PDB file of N, CA and C in Angstrom:
ATOM      1  N   MET A   1     -96.669  79.672 -21.577  1.00  0.00           N
ATOM      2  CA  MET A   1     -97.313  79.505 -20.290  1.00  0.00           C
ATOM      3  C   MET A   1     -96.924  80.681 -19.383  1.00  0.00           C
ATOM      4  N   ALA A   2     -97.899  81.293 -18.758  1.00  0.00           N
ATOM      5  CA  ALA A   2     -97.655  82.442 -17.882  1.00  0.00           C
ATOM      6  C   ALA A   2     -97.104  81.989 -16.538  1.00  0.00           C
ATOM      7  N   LEU A   3     -96.283  82.833 -15.961  1.00  0.00           N
ATOM      8  CA  LEU A   3     -95.733  82.566 -14.641  1.00  0.00           C
ATOM      9  C   LEU A   3     -96.853  82.624 -13.605  1.00  0.00           C
ATOM     10  N   CYS A   4     -96.829  81.760 -12.649  1.00  0.00           N
ATOM     11  CA  CYS A   4     -97.808  81.757 -11.566  1.00  0.00           C
ATOM     12  C   CYS A   4     -97.793  83.109 -10.869  1.00  0.00           C
ATOM     13  N   GLU A   5     -98.947  83.729 -10.740  1.00  0.00           N
ATOM     14  CA  GLU A   5     -99.000  85.046 -10.098  1.00  0.00           C
ATOM     15  C   GLU A   5     -98.601  84.992  -8.632  1.00  0.00           C
ATOM     16  N   HIS A   6     -98.823  83.875  -7.964  1.00  0.00           N
ATOM     17  CA  HIS A   6     -98.432  83.758  -6.556  1.00  0.00           C
ATOM     18  C   HIS A   6     -96.915  83.791  -6.401  1.00  0.00           C
ATOM     19  N   LEU A   7     -96.214  83.071  -7.308  1.00  0.00           N
ATOM     20  CA  LEU A   7     -94.755  83.044  -7.245  1.00  0.00           C
ATOM     21  C   LEU A   7     -94.158  84.416  -7.517  1.00  0.00           C
ATOM     22  N   SER A   8     -94.805  85.188  -8.386  1.00  0.00           N
ATOM     23  CA  SER A   8     -94.267  86.505  -8.731  1.00  0.00           C
ATOM     24  C   SER A   8     -94.588  87.568  -7.683  1.00  0.00           C
ATOM     25  N   GLN A   9     -95.470  87.242  -6.731  1.00  0.00           N
ATOM     26  CA  GLN A   9     -95.869  88.226  -5.723  1.00  0.00           C
ATOM     27  C   GLN A   9     -95.450  87.835  -4.308  1.00  0.00           C
ATOM     28  N   THR A  10     -94.476  86.954  -4.174  1.00  0.00           N
ATOM     29  CA  THR A  10     -94.075  86.498  -2.840  1.00  0.00           C
ATOM     30  C   THR A  10     -93.273  87.555  -2.097  1.00  0.00           C
ATOM     31  N   GLY A  11     -93.331  87.451  -0.778  1.00  0.00           N
ATOM     32  CA  GLY A  11     -92.517  88.301   0.070  1.00  0.00           C
ATOM     33  C   GLY A  11     -91.258  87.551   0.493  1.00  0.00           C
ATOM     34  N   ASP A  12     -90.581  88.101   1.477  1.00  0.00           N
ATOM     35  CA  ASP A  12     -89.367  87.477   2.009  1.00  0.00           C
ATOM     36  C   ASP A  12     -89.334  87.660   3.523  1.00  0.00           C
ATOM     37  N   PRO A  13     -90.347  87.121   4.217  1.00  0.00           N
ATOM     38  CA  PRO A  13     -90.407  87.313   5.664  1.00  0.00           C
ATOM     39  C   PRO A  13     -89.311  86.537   6.388  1.00  0.00           C
ATOM     40  N   PRO A  14     -88.857  87.046   7.531  1.00  0.00           N
ATOM     41  CA  PRO A  14     -87.873  86.290   8.303  1.00  0.00           C
ATOM     42  C   PRO A  14     -88.495  84.998   8.847  1.00  0.00           C
ATOM     43  N   ALA A  15     -87.665  84.005   9.046  1.00  0.00           N
ATOM     44  CA  ALA A  15     -88.131  82.730   9.587  1.00  0.00           C
ATOM     45  C   ALA A  15     -88.602  82.912  11.027  1.00  0.00           C
ATOM     46  N   ASN A  16     -89.774  82.384  11.336  1.00  0.00           N
ATOM     47  CA  ASN A  16     -90.293  82.454  12.705  1.00  0.00           C
ATOM     48  C   ASN A  16     -89.437  81.644  13.673  1.00  0.00           C
ATOM     49  N   THR A  17     -88.983  80.484  13.224  1.00  0.00           N
ATOM     50  CA  THR A  17     -88.138  79.607  14.052  1.00  0.00           C
ATOM     51  C   THR A  17     -86.992  79.100  13.190  1.00  0.00           C
ATOM     52  N   PRO A  18     -85.856  79.787  13.189  1.00  0.00           N
ATOM     53  CA  PRO A  18     -84.753  79.404  12.305  1.00  0.00           C
ATOM     54  C   PRO A  18     -84.097  78.071  12.643  1.00  0.00           C
ATOM     55  N   ASP A  19     -84.463  77.463  13.765  1.00  0.00           N
ATOM     56  CA  ASP A  19     -83.832  76.211  14.185  1.00  0.00           C
ATOM     57  C   ASP A  19     -84.632  74.962  13.863  1.00  0.00           C
ATOM     58  N   GLY A  20     -85.808  75.101  13.215  1.00  0.00           N
ATOM     59  CA  GLY A  20     -86.584  73.913  12.882  1.00  0.00           C
ATOM     60  C   GLY A  20     -88.057  74.186  12.711  1.00  0.00           C
ATOM     61  N   CYS A  21     -88.795  73.122  12.450  1.00  0.00           N
ATOM     62  CA  CYS A  21     -90.246  73.184  12.276  1.00  0.00           C
ATOM     63  C   CYS A  21     -90.895  73.667  13.570  1.00  0.00           C
ATOM     64  N   GLU A  22     -91.737  74.683  13.451  1.00  0.00           N
ATOM     65  CA  GLU A  22     -92.370  75.270  14.642  1.00  0.00           C
ATOM     66  C   GLU A  22     -93.121  74.231  15.468  1.00  0.00           C
ATOM     67  N   GLU A  23     -93.970  73.459  14.814  1.00  0.00           N
ATOM     68  CA  GLU A  23     -94.792  72.488  15.543  1.00  0.00           C
ATOM     69  C   GLU A  23     -93.958  71.320  16.058  1.00  0.00           C
ATOM     70  N   CYS A  24     -93.027  70.834  15.241  1.00  0.00           N
ATOM     71  CA  CYS A  24     -92.187  69.706  15.671  1.00  0.00           C
ATOM     72  C   CYS A  24     -91.299  70.087  16.857  1.00  0.00           C
ATOM     73  N   LEU A  25     -90.796  71.318  16.860  1.00  0.00           N
ATOM     74  CA  LEU A  25     -89.996  71.768  18.001  1.00  0.00           C
ATOM     75  C   LEU A  25     -90.815  71.758  19.284  1.00  0.00           C
ATOM     76  N   SER A  26     -92.095  72.130  19.171  1.00  0.00           N
ATOM     77  CA  SER A  26     -92.922  72.190  20.382  1.00  0.00           C
ATOM     78  C   SER A  26     -93.355  70.813  20.875  1.00  0.00           C
ATOM     79  N   THR A  27     -93.396  69.823  19.970  1.00  0.00           N
ATOM     80  CA  THR A  27     -93.825  68.477  20.376  1.00  0.00           C
ATOM     81  C   THR A  27     -92.686  67.473  20.477  1.00  0.00           C
ATOM     82  N   GLY A  28     -91.501  67.849  20.001  1.00  0.00           N
ATOM     83  CA  GLY A  28     -90.371  66.932  20.022  1.00  0.00           C
ATOM     84  C   GLY A  28     -90.377  65.939  18.873  1.00  0.00           C
ATOM     85  N   SER A  29     -91.160  66.198  17.846  1.00  0.00           N
ATOM     86  CA  SER A  29     -91.237  65.297  16.688  1.00  0.00           C
ATOM     87  C   SER A  29     -90.062  65.536  15.737  1.00  0.00           C
ATOM     88  N   PRO A  30     -89.658  64.510  15.001  1.00  0.00           N
ATOM     89  CA  PRO A  30     -88.580  64.679  14.024  1.00  0.00           C
ATOM     90  C   PRO A  30     -89.116  65.244  12.707  1.00  0.00           C
ATOM     91  N   TRP A  31     -88.216  65.784  11.897  1.00  0.00           N
ATOM     92  CA  TRP A  31     -88.573  66.226  10.547  1.00  0.00           C
ATOM     93  C   TRP A  31     -87.459  65.823   9.603  1.00  0.00           C
ATOM     94  N   VAL A  32     -87.762  65.889   8.295  1.00  0.00           N
ATOM     95  CA  VAL A  32     -86.780  65.530   7.267  1.00  0.00           C
ATOM     96  C   VAL A  32     -86.182  66.800   6.667  1.00  0.00           C
ATOM     97  N   HIS A  33     -87.021  67.637   6.060  1.00  0.00           N
ATOM     98  CA  HIS A  33     -86.585  68.903   5.464  1.00  0.00           C
ATOM     99  C   HIS A  33     -87.526  70.010   5.907  1.00  0.00           C
ATOM    100  N   LEU A  34     -87.054  71.244   5.780  1.00  0.00           N
ATOM    101  CA  LEU A  34     -87.835  72.393   6.237  1.00  0.00           C
ATOM    102  C   LEU A  34     -88.266  73.277   5.077  1.00  0.00           C
ATOM    103  N   ARG A  35     -89.431  73.909   5.237  1.00  0.00           N
ATOM    104  CA  ARG A  35     -89.992  74.821   4.258  1.00  0.00           C
ATOM    105  C   ARG A  35     -90.428  76.105   4.970  1.00  0.00           C
ATOM    106  N   ARG A  36     -90.205  77.262   4.307  1.00  0.00           N
ATOM    107  CA  ARG A  36     -90.597  78.561   4.879  1.00  0.00           C
ATOM    108  C   ARG A  36     -91.764  79.129   4.084  1.00  0.00           C
ATOM    109  N   CYS A  37     -92.814  79.518   4.779  1.00  0.00           N
ATOM    110  CA  CYS A  37     -93.949  80.189   4.153  1.00  0.00           C
ATOM    111  C   CYS A  37     -93.508  81.599   3.761  1.00  0.00           C
ATOM    112  N   LEU A  38     -93.714  81.961   2.497  1.00  0.00           N
ATOM    113  CA  LEU A  38     -93.269  83.267   2.033  1.00  0.00           C
ATOM    114  C   LEU A  38     -94.294  84.359   2.262  1.00  0.00           C
ATOM    115  N   GLU A  39     -95.350  84.033   2.995  1.00  0.00           N
ATOM    116  CA  GLU A  39     -96.309  85.061   3.404  1.00  0.00           C
ATOM    117  C   GLU A  39     -96.076  85.491   4.851  1.00  0.00           C
ATOM    118  N   CYS A  40     -95.803  84.520   5.735  1.00  0.00           N
ATOM    119  CA  CYS A  40     -95.716  84.866   7.160  1.00  0.00           C
ATOM    120  C   CYS A  40     -94.425  84.402   7.847  1.00  0.00           C
ATOM    121  N   GLY A  41     -93.580  83.611   7.178  1.00  0.00           N
ATOM    122  CA  GLY A  41     -92.338  83.154   7.786  1.00  0.00           C
ATOM    123  C   GLY A  41     -92.442  81.872   8.590  1.00  0.00           C
ATOM    124  N   HIS A  42     -93.622  81.238   8.587  1.00  0.00           N
ATOM    125  CA  HIS A  42     -93.785  79.967   9.293  1.00  0.00           C
ATOM    126  C   HIS A  42     -92.788  78.949   8.752  1.00  0.00           C
ATOM    127  N   ILE A  43     -92.129  78.222   9.633  1.00  0.00           N
ATOM    128  CA  ILE A  43     -91.239  77.140   9.237  1.00  0.00           C
ATOM    129  C   ILE A  43     -91.942  75.830   9.544  1.00  0.00           C
ATOM    130  N   GLY A  44     -92.156  75.034   8.497  1.00  0.00           N
ATOM    131  CA  GLY A  44     -92.826  73.755   8.646  1.00  0.00           C
ATOM    132  C   GLY A  44     -92.017  72.648   8.008  1.00  0.00           C
ATOM    133  N   CYS A  45     -92.319  71.423   8.388  1.00  0.00           N
ATOM    134  CA  CYS A  45     -91.617  70.275   7.834  1.00  0.00           C
ATOM    135  C   CYS A  45     -92.254  69.839   6.520  1.00  0.00           C
ATOM    136  N   CYS A  46     -91.453  69.194   5.676  1.00  0.00           N
ATOM    137  CA  CYS A  46     -91.870  68.796   4.335  1.00  0.00           C
ATOM    138  C   CYS A  46     -92.812  67.588   4.370  1.00  0.00           C
ATOM    139  N   ASP A  47     -93.321  67.236   3.191  1.00  0.00           N
ATOM    140  CA  ASP A  47     -94.238  66.105   3.085  1.00  0.00           C
ATOM    141  C   ASP A  47     -93.564  64.745   3.251  1.00  0.00           C
ATOM    142  N   SER A  48     -92.239  64.701   3.274  1.00  0.00           N
ATOM    143  CA  SER A  48     -91.528  63.456   3.593  1.00  0.00           C
ATOM    144  C   SER A  48     -91.392  63.270   5.100  1.00  0.00           C
ATOM    145  N   SER A  49     -91.729  64.308   5.859  1.00  0.00           N
ATOM    146  CA  SER A  49     -91.682  64.249   7.323  1.00  0.00           C
ATOM    147  C   SER A  49     -92.976  63.635   7.843  1.00  0.00           C
ATOM    148  N   PRO A  50     -92.953  63.027   9.022  1.00  0.00           N
ATOM    149  CA  PRO A  50     -94.152  62.369   9.550  1.00  0.00           C
ATOM    150  C   PRO A  50     -95.379  63.283   9.673  1.00  0.00           C
ATOM    151  N   ASN A  51     -95.165  64.557  10.013  1.00  0.00           N
ATOM    152  CA  ASN A  51     -96.310  65.429  10.303  1.00  0.00           C
ATOM    153  C   ASN A  51     -96.694  66.397   9.190  1.00  0.00           C
ATOM    154  N   LYS A  52     -95.866  66.592   8.189  1.00  0.00           N
ATOM    155  CA  LYS A  52     -96.189  67.410   7.010  1.00  0.00           C
ATOM    156  C   LYS A  52     -96.723  68.787   7.382  1.00  0.00           C
ATOM    157  N   HIS A  53     -96.047  69.469   8.309  1.00  0.00           N
ATOM    158  CA  HIS A  53     -96.559  70.731   8.829  1.00  0.00           C
ATOM    159  C   HIS A  53     -96.587  71.877   7.822  1.00  0.00           C
ATOM    160  N   ALA A  54     -95.705  71.884   6.831  1.00  0.00           N
ATOM    161  CA  ALA A  54     -95.747  72.959   5.835  1.00  0.00           C
ATOM    162  C   ALA A  54     -97.050  72.896   5.040  1.00  0.00           C
ATOM    163  N   THR A  55     -97.428  71.712   4.603  1.00  0.00           N
ATOM    164  CA  THR A  55     -98.681  71.552   3.859  1.00  0.00           C
ATOM    165  C   THR A  55     -99.885  71.819   4.759  1.00  0.00           C
ATOM    166  N   LYS A  56     -99.829  71.366   5.997  1.00  0.00           N
ATOM    167  CA  LYS A  56    -100.921  71.632   6.941  1.00  0.00           C
ATOM    168  C   LYS A  56    -101.079  73.134   7.164  1.00  0.00           C
ATOM    169  N   HIS A  57     -99.959  73.861   7.207  1.00  0.00           N
ATOM    170  CA  HIS A  57    -100.004  75.320   7.356  1.00  0.00           C
ATOM    171  C   HIS A  57    -100.714  75.946   6.152  1.00  0.00           C
ATOM    172  N   HIS A  58    -100.388  75.491   4.951  1.00  0.00           N
ATOM    173  CA  HIS A  58    -101.062  76.006   3.750  1.00  0.00           C
ATOM    174  C   HIS A  58    -102.567  75.770   3.837  1.00  0.00           C
ATOM    175  N   HIS A  59    -102.981  74.548   4.204  1.00  0.00           N
ATOM    176  CA  HIS A  59    -104.411  74.244   4.277  1.00  0.00           C
ATOM    177  C   HIS A  59    -105.118  75.073   5.348  1.00  0.00           C
ATOM    178  N   ALA A  60    -104.451  75.357   6.436  1.00  0.00           N
ATOM    179  CA  ALA A  60    -105.057  76.127   7.532  1.00  0.00           C
ATOM    180  C   ALA A  60    -105.133  77.622   7.231  1.00  0.00           C
ATOM    181  N   THR A  61    -104.164  78.132   6.485  1.00  0.00           N
ATOM    182  CA  THR A  61    -104.075  79.585   6.277  1.00  0.00           C
ATOM    183  C   THR A  61    -104.394  80.049   4.861  1.00  0.00           C
ATOM    184  N   GLY A  62    -104.220  79.165   3.886  1.00  0.00           N
ATOM    185  CA  GLY A  62    -104.371  79.555   2.494  1.00  0.00           C
ATOM    186  C   GLY A  62    -103.146  80.255   1.926  1.00  0.00           C
ATOM    187  N   HIS A  63    -102.083  80.364   2.714  1.00  0.00           N
ATOM    188  CA  HIS A  63    -100.856  80.980   2.214  1.00  0.00           C
ATOM    189  C   HIS A  63    -100.324  80.101   1.076  1.00  0.00           C
ATOM    190  N   PRO A  64    -100.115  80.684  -0.111  1.00  0.00           N
ATOM    191  CA  PRO A  64     -99.886  79.852  -1.292  1.00  0.00           C
ATOM    192  C   PRO A  64     -98.466  79.359  -1.555  1.00  0.00           C
ATOM    193  N   VAL A  65     -97.435  80.077  -1.116  1.00  0.00           N
ATOM    194  CA  VAL A  65     -96.083  79.755  -1.572  1.00  0.00           C
ATOM    195  C   VAL A  65     -95.137  79.455  -0.413  1.00  0.00           C
ATOM    196  N   ILE A  66     -94.375  78.364  -0.581  1.00  0.00           N
ATOM    197  CA  ILE A  66     -93.299  78.029   0.349  1.00  0.00           C
ATOM    198  C   ILE A  66     -91.983  78.079  -0.402  1.00  0.00           C
ATOM    199  N   GLN A  67     -90.915  78.176   0.361  1.00  0.00           N
ATOM    200  CA  GLN A  67     -89.566  78.104  -0.187  1.00  0.00           C
ATOM    201  C   GLN A  67     -88.794  77.092   0.645  1.00  0.00           C
ATOM    202  N   SER A  68     -87.900  76.354  -0.011  1.00  0.00           N
ATOM    203  CA  SER A  68     -87.055  75.438   0.742  1.00  0.00           C
ATOM    204  C   SER A  68     -86.293  76.238   1.799  1.00  0.00           C
ATOM    205  N   PHE A  69     -86.189  75.689   2.987  1.00  0.00           N
ATOM    206  CA  PHE A  69     -85.430  76.318   4.062  1.00  0.00           C
ATOM    207  C   PHE A  69     -84.198  75.478   4.370  1.00  0.00           C
ATOM    208  N   GLU A  70     -83.736  74.760   3.342  1.00  0.00           N
ATOM    209  CA  GLU A  70     -82.539  73.935   3.451  1.00  0.00           C
ATOM    210  C   GLU A  70     -81.341  74.733   2.938  1.00  0.00           C
ATOM    211  N   PRO A  71     -80.188  74.612   3.582  1.00  0.00           N
ATOM    212  CA  PRO A  71     -78.990  75.322   3.108  1.00  0.00           C
ATOM    213  C   PRO A  71     -78.676  74.990   1.647  1.00  0.00           C
ATOM    214  N   GLY A  72     -78.408  76.030   0.862  1.00  0.00           N
ATOM    215  CA  GLY A  72     -78.047  75.855  -0.532  1.00  0.00           C
ATOM    216  C   GLY A  72     -79.205  75.673  -1.491  1.00  0.00           C
ATOM    217  N   GLU A  73     -80.437  75.651  -0.994  1.00  0.00           N
ATOM    218  CA  GLU A  73     -81.613  75.503  -1.850  1.00  0.00           C
ATOM    219  C   GLU A  73     -82.435  76.783  -1.836  1.00  0.00           C
ATOM    220  N   SER A  74     -82.944  77.183  -2.996  1.00  0.00           N
ATOM    221  CA  SER A  74     -83.750  78.408  -3.048  1.00  0.00           C
ATOM    222  C   SER A  74     -85.038  78.230  -3.836  1.00  0.00           C
ATOM    223  N   TRP A  75     -85.396  76.996  -4.196  1.00  0.00           N
ATOM    224  CA  TRP A  75     -86.615  76.791  -4.972  1.00  0.00           C
ATOM    225  C   TRP A  75     -87.860  77.156  -4.172  1.00  0.00           C
ATOM    226  N   ARG A  76     -88.897  77.506  -4.900  1.00  0.00           N
ATOM    227  CA  ARG A  76     -90.191  77.854  -4.300  1.00  0.00           C
ATOM    228  C   ARG A  76     -91.281  76.975  -4.915  1.00  0.00           C
ATOM    229  N   TRP A  77     -92.376  76.775  -4.171  1.00  0.00           N
ATOM    230  CA  TRP A  77     -93.488  75.948  -4.625  1.00  0.00           C
ATOM    231  C   TRP A  77     -94.793  76.666  -4.308  1.00  0.00           C
ATOM    232  N   CYS A  78     -95.658  76.737  -5.326  1.00  0.00           N
ATOM    233  CA  CYS A  78     -96.999  77.291  -5.132  1.00  0.00           C
ATOM    234  C   CYS A  78     -97.982  76.139  -4.988  1.00  0.00           C
ATOM    235  N   TYR A  79     -98.622  76.050  -3.831  1.00  0.00           N
ATOM    236  CA  TYR A  79     -99.612  75.007  -3.599  1.00  0.00           C
ATOM    237  C   TYR A  79    -100.830  75.201  -4.488  1.00  0.00           C
ATOM    238  N   VAL A  80    -101.243  76.439  -4.717  1.00  0.00           N
ATOM    239  CA  VAL A  80    -102.460  76.741  -5.463  1.00  0.00           C
ATOM    240  C   VAL A  80    -102.346  76.269  -6.913  1.00  0.00           C
ATOM    241  N   ASP A  81    -101.226  76.609  -7.553  1.00  0.00           N
ATOM    242  CA  ASP A  81    -101.052  76.300  -8.974  1.00  0.00           C
ATOM    243  C   ASP A  81    -100.165  75.082  -9.227  1.00  0.00           C
ATOM    244  N   SER A  82     -99.720  74.403  -8.157  1.00  0.00           N
ATOM    245  CA  SER A  82     -98.816  73.246  -8.277  1.00  0.00           C
ATOM    246  C   SER A  82     -97.666  73.550  -9.228  1.00  0.00           C
ATOM    247  N   THR A  83     -97.005  74.686  -8.934  1.00  0.00           N
ATOM    248  CA  THR A  83     -95.946  75.174  -9.794  1.00  0.00           C
ATOM    249  C   THR A  83     -94.695  75.458  -8.978  1.00  0.00           C
ATOM    250  N   MET A  84     -93.552  75.078  -9.549  1.00  0.00           N
ATOM    251  CA  MET A  84     -92.273  75.364  -8.909  1.00  0.00           C
ATOM    252  C   MET A  84     -91.668  76.601  -9.553  1.00  0.00           C
ATOM    253  N   GLY A  85     -90.998  77.389  -8.740  1.00  0.00           N
ATOM    254  CA  GLY A  85     -90.375  78.592  -9.272  1.00  0.00           C
ATOM    255  C   GLY A  85     -89.001  78.803  -8.695  1.00  0.00           C
TER     256      GLY A  85
END
């Protein structure tokens, strides 16, 4: 099986908001875990969070790959190919 081309072509942009989910910070909403978009640095909350901003960001922008933004975690996920890297 070939490696997902999106995972192999990711960047490493700085986090736009290193202190939490961009949208949740602006509305005061809680989140569970954080994800960083590897195309633009957007920080969004995970799908276990009430607002699922990381996935909403993918649907709005088409940016394919996120990375866990949790301390000690470095896994990545491609929304397009439903592949972890």
